Amino acid sequence: MKLIIVDDDALIRESLSLTLGLEDDIEVVGEAEDGRAALALCEKLQPDIALMDIRMPNVDGITATRLMREKFPNVKIMMLTTFADKANIQQALSAGANGYLLKTDETDGVAGKLRTLMSGSGVLDPEVLNQLTRPVSPLMDKLSTRERDITRLVAQGLTNKEIATQLFLSEGTVRNRIISIMEKLKVSNRTQLGVAYYER
């Protein structure tokens, strides 16, 4: 199978390319740093599968998936991202993604899941499936998708700076968003916010 890797992190692209390129039946034919470059690669290289991140500059993964599905319907799209929230999952699948994996997954397990996708089956990470079947908490309904992303990262113990880096925001914006989130959820500190997230 011919594969393109789409991620704005060069180290992740390189790591995936090296690992998956060792597989006899996988040929990494190209890499792209955003959705715009991915669409150009699809036109030029006609890959079988695009391994796609969600949050990228210029054209994000969900928008790229929608456009790719319209222009290159034969290309299968596997999302590979850190975002496990229900909103991103639903948006990606609605846009036409054939699979959704999390970057917590072992890299050596990705090859097998790409083969499963190539065979015609959809592929969902177990945590993704759990998110789709979990009842939605009215508490989390108060938050926007971006606020849920921030809350999840706070719950994982990331600092404001680390959250800002992951979500392409300034530290000041993250700090202000966290204050707003805590007011909405009626909690007074980051620990309580983390507990609220995991009890959702």
Protein backbone atom coordinates (compact mmCIF):
# COMPACT_ATOMS: atom_id res chain seq x y z
CA MET A 1 0.00 0.00 0.00
CA LYS A 2 1.13 3.55 -0.73
CA LEU A 3 0.97 5.83 2.31
CA ILE A 4 1.33 9.55 2.95
CA ILE A 5 1.93 10.89 6.47
CA VAL A 6 0.31 14.22 7.35
CA ASP A 7 1.45 15.90 10.58
CA ASP A 8 2.83 19.33 11.42
CA ASP A 9 5.44 17.79 13.74
CA ALA A 10 8.50 16.86 11.65
CA LEU A 11 9.80 14.44 14.30
CA ILE A 12 6.52 12.52 14.32
CA ARG A 13 6.51 12.36 10.52
CA GLU A 14 10.09 11.10 10.49
CA SER A 15 9.46 8.51 13.21
CA LEU A 16 6.35 7.14 11.52
CA SER A 17 8.02 7.15 8.13
CA LEU A 18 11.02 5.18 9.41
CA THR A 19 8.93 2.68 11.36
CA LEU A 20 6.22 2.06 8.79
CA GLY A 21 8.71 2.12 5.93
CA LEU A 22 10.28 -1.04 7.34
CA GLU A 23 7.09 -2.98 6.60
CA ASP A 24 7.29 -5.03 3.39
CA ASP A 25 3.81 -4.09 2.25
CA ILE A 26 3.88 -0.36 3.17
CA GLU A 27 5.56 2.26 1.00
CA VAL A 28 5.71 5.76 2.47
CA VAL A 29 5.52 7.83 -0.70
CA GLY A 30 5.28 11.29 0.85
CA GLU A 31 5.01 13.51 3.91
CA ALA A 32 2.99 16.71 4.43
CA GLU A 33 3.02 19.31 7.19
CA ASP A 34 -0.63 20.33 6.79
CA GLY A 35 -3.85 19.52 4.97
CA ARG A 36 -3.09 21.79 2.02
CA ALA A 37 0.16 19.96 1.28
CA ALA A 38 -1.62 16.62 1.78
CA LEU A 39 -4.15 17.44 -0.94
CA ALA A 40 -1.32 18.32 -3.32
CA LEU A 41 0.38 15.00 -2.53
CA CYS A 42 -2.83 13.07 -3.19
CA GLU A 43 -3.12 14.65 -6.61
CA LYS A 44 0.52 13.94 -7.43
CA LEU A 45 1.09 10.52 -5.84
CA GLN A 46 -2.37 8.90 -5.63
CA PRO A 47 -1.74 7.12 -2.30
CA ASP A 48 -3.92 4.36 -0.92
CA ILE A 49 -4.02 5.79 2.61
CA ALA A 50 -3.43 9.17 4.25
CA LEU A 51 -2.36 8.98 7.92
CA MET A 52 -3.69 12.32 9.17
CA ASP A 53 -3.29 14.48 12.28
CA ILE A 54 -6.16 16.82 13.27
CA ARG A 55 -4.65 20.03 14.59
CA MET A 56 -2.40 21.57 11.94
CA PRO A 57 -1.85 25.12 10.66
CA ASN A 58 -3.33 26.41 7.39
CA VAL A 59 -5.68 23.49 6.63
CA ASP A 60 -6.51 21.22 9.59
CA GLY A 61 -7.01 17.48 9.36
CA ILE A 62 -10.81 17.50 9.51
CA THR A 63 -11.10 20.07 6.71
CA ALA A 64 -8.50 18.17 4.69
CA THR A 65 -10.42 14.93 5.22
CA ARG A 66 -13.62 16.51 3.89
CA LEU A 67 -11.84 17.92 0.84
CA MET A 68 -9.94 14.70 0.23
CA ARG A 69 -13.13 12.68 0.36
CA GLU A 70 -14.65 14.96 -2.31
CA LYS A 71 -11.63 15.09 -4.62
CA PHE A 72 -9.97 11.71 -4.03
CA PRO A 73 -12.72 9.29 -2.91
CA ASN A 74 -10.48 6.24 -3.32
CA VAL A 75 -7.96 7.42 -0.71
CA LYS A 76 -8.64 5.94 2.73
CA ILE A 77 -8.06 8.30 5.64
CA MET A 78 -6.77 7.22 9.05
CA MET A 79 -6.73 9.93 11.71
CA LEU A 80 -3.75 9.71 14.08
CA THR A 81 -4.00 12.35 16.79
CA THR A 82 -3.78 13.15 20.50
CA PHE A 83 -7.38 14.37 20.59
CA ALA A 84 -9.78 11.81 22.05
CA ASP A 85 -12.78 14.05 22.71
CA LYS A 86 -16.14 13.13 21.26
CA ALA A 87 -16.52 16.33 19.25
CA ASN A 88 -13.30 15.85 17.26
CA ILE A 89 -14.03 12.16 16.73
CA GLN A 90 -17.53 12.83 15.42
CA GLN A 91 -16.35 15.69 13.19
CA ALA A 92 -13.57 13.55 11.69
CA LEU A 93 -15.86 10.58 11.03
CA SER A 94 -18.57 12.86 9.62
CA ALA A 95 -15.98 14.41 7.31
CA GLY A 96 -15.26 10.95 5.92
CA ALA A 97 -12.40 9.47 7.95
CA ASN A 98 -12.25 5.67 7.73
CA GLY A 99 -10.38 5.21 11.01
CA TYR A 100 -9.34 7.08 14.16
CA LEU A 101 -6.27 6.19 16.20
CA LEU A 102 -4.65 7.94 19.14
CA LYS A 103 -0.95 8.76 19.33
CA THR A 104 -0.80 6.88 22.61
CA ASP A 105 -1.08 3.73 20.51
CA GLU A 106 2.15 1.79 20.02
CA THR A 107 3.68 2.80 16.70
CA ASP A 108 4.34 -0.81 15.76
CA GLY A 109 0.59 -1.46 16.07
CA VAL A 110 -0.27 1.18 13.49
CA ALA A 111 0.91 -0.98 10.57
CA GLY A 112 -1.56 -3.73 11.39
CA LYS A 113 -4.38 -1.23 11.70
CA LEU A 114 -3.47 0.27 8.35
CA ARG A 115 -3.74 -3.22 6.85
CA THR A 116 -7.16 -3.63 8.46
CA LEU A 117 -8.23 -0.31 6.97
CA MET A 118 -6.87 -1.32 3.57
CA SER A 119 -8.94 -4.51 3.69
CA GLY A 120 -12.09 -2.42 3.83
CA SER A 121 -12.82 -2.39 7.57
CA GLY A 122 -13.13 0.75 9.69
CA VAL A 123 -10.67 1.11 12.57
CA LEU A 124 -11.36 2.84 15.90
CA ASP A 125 -9.02 3.05 18.89
CA PRO A 126 -10.70 1.46 21.97
CA GLU A 127 -10.70 4.83 23.77
CA VAL A 128 -12.35 6.41 20.73
CA LEU A 129 -15.07 3.76 20.77
CA ASN A 130 -15.50 4.39 24.49
CA GLN A 131 -15.96 8.12 23.84
CA LEU A 132 -18.59 7.49 21.18
CA THR A 133 -20.63 5.19 23.41
CA ARG A 134 -20.20 7.12 26.68
CA PRO A 135 -23.19 9.19 27.79
CA VAL A 136 -22.54 12.91 27.42
CA SER A 137 -22.23 14.76 30.72
CA PRO A 138 -24.44 17.86 31.03
CA LEU A 139 -21.48 19.43 32.85
CA MET A 140 -19.21 19.13 29.82
CA ASP A 141 -22.03 20.34 27.56
CA LYS A 142 -21.36 23.79 28.99
CA LEU A 143 -17.94 23.86 27.32
CA SER A 144 -16.96 24.51 23.72
CA THR A 145 -14.82 21.98 21.84
CA ARG A 146 -11.69 24.09 22.47
CA GLU A 147 -12.56 24.39 26.19
CA ARG A 148 -12.94 20.61 26.40
CA ASP A 149 -9.53 20.22 24.76
CA ILE A 150 -7.99 22.53 27.35
CA THR A 151 -9.79 20.79 30.22
CA ARG A 152 -8.55 17.39 29.04
CA LEU A 153 -4.96 18.62 28.89
CA VAL A 154 -5.25 20.21 32.35
CA ALA A 155 -6.56 16.87 33.62
CA GLN A 156 -3.50 15.18 32.09
CA GLY A 157 -1.26 17.48 34.14
CA LEU A 158 0.06 19.74 31.37
CA THR A 159 1.21 23.27 32.21
CA ASN A 160 -0.27 26.35 30.53
CA LYS A 161 2.83 26.58 28.36
CA GLU A 162 2.54 22.95 27.25
CA ILE A 163 -1.17 23.37 26.53
CA ALA A 164 -0.45 26.53 24.54
CA THR A 165 2.13 24.66 22.45
CA GLN A 166 -0.21 21.75 21.70
CA LEU A 167 -3.19 23.90 20.79
CA PHE A 168 -1.31 26.73 19.01
CA LEU A 169 -2.49 29.32 21.53
CA SER A 170 -0.69 31.92 23.64
CA GLU A 171 -0.14 31.20 27.33
CA GLY A 172 -2.30 34.21 28.18
CA THR A 173 -5.19 32.83 26.14
CA VAL A 174 -4.87 29.44 27.84
CA ARG A 175 -4.81 31.07 31.27
CA ASN A 176 -7.92 33.13 30.50
CA ARG A 177 -9.73 30.11 29.03
CA ILE A 178 -8.97 28.04 32.15
CA ILE A 179 -10.36 30.80 34.39
CA SER A 180 -13.52 30.89 32.25
CA ILE A 181 -13.83 27.07 32.31
CA MET A 182 -13.49 26.96 36.11
CA GLU A 183 -16.23 29.58 36.42
CA LYS A 184 -18.53 27.58 34.13
CA LEU A 185 -17.92 24.33 36.01
CA LYS A 186 -17.92 26.01 39.43
CA VAL A 187 -14.52 24.68 40.49
CA SER A 188 -11.78 26.70 42.18
CA ASN A 189 -8.50 25.08 41.09
CA ARG A 190 -6.83 22.87 38.47
CA THR A 191 -7.10 19.74 40.60
CA GLN A 192 -10.86 20.13 40.91
CA LEU A 193 -11.03 20.80 37.19
CA GLY A 194 -9.19 17.55 36.50
CA VAL A 195 -11.53 15.65 38.80
CA ALA A 196 -14.54 17.21 37.04
CA TYR A 197 -13.16 16.05 33.68
CA TYR A 198 -12.59 12.46 34.77
CA GLU A 199 -15.97 12.30 36.51
CA ARG A 200 -17.80 13.53 33.43
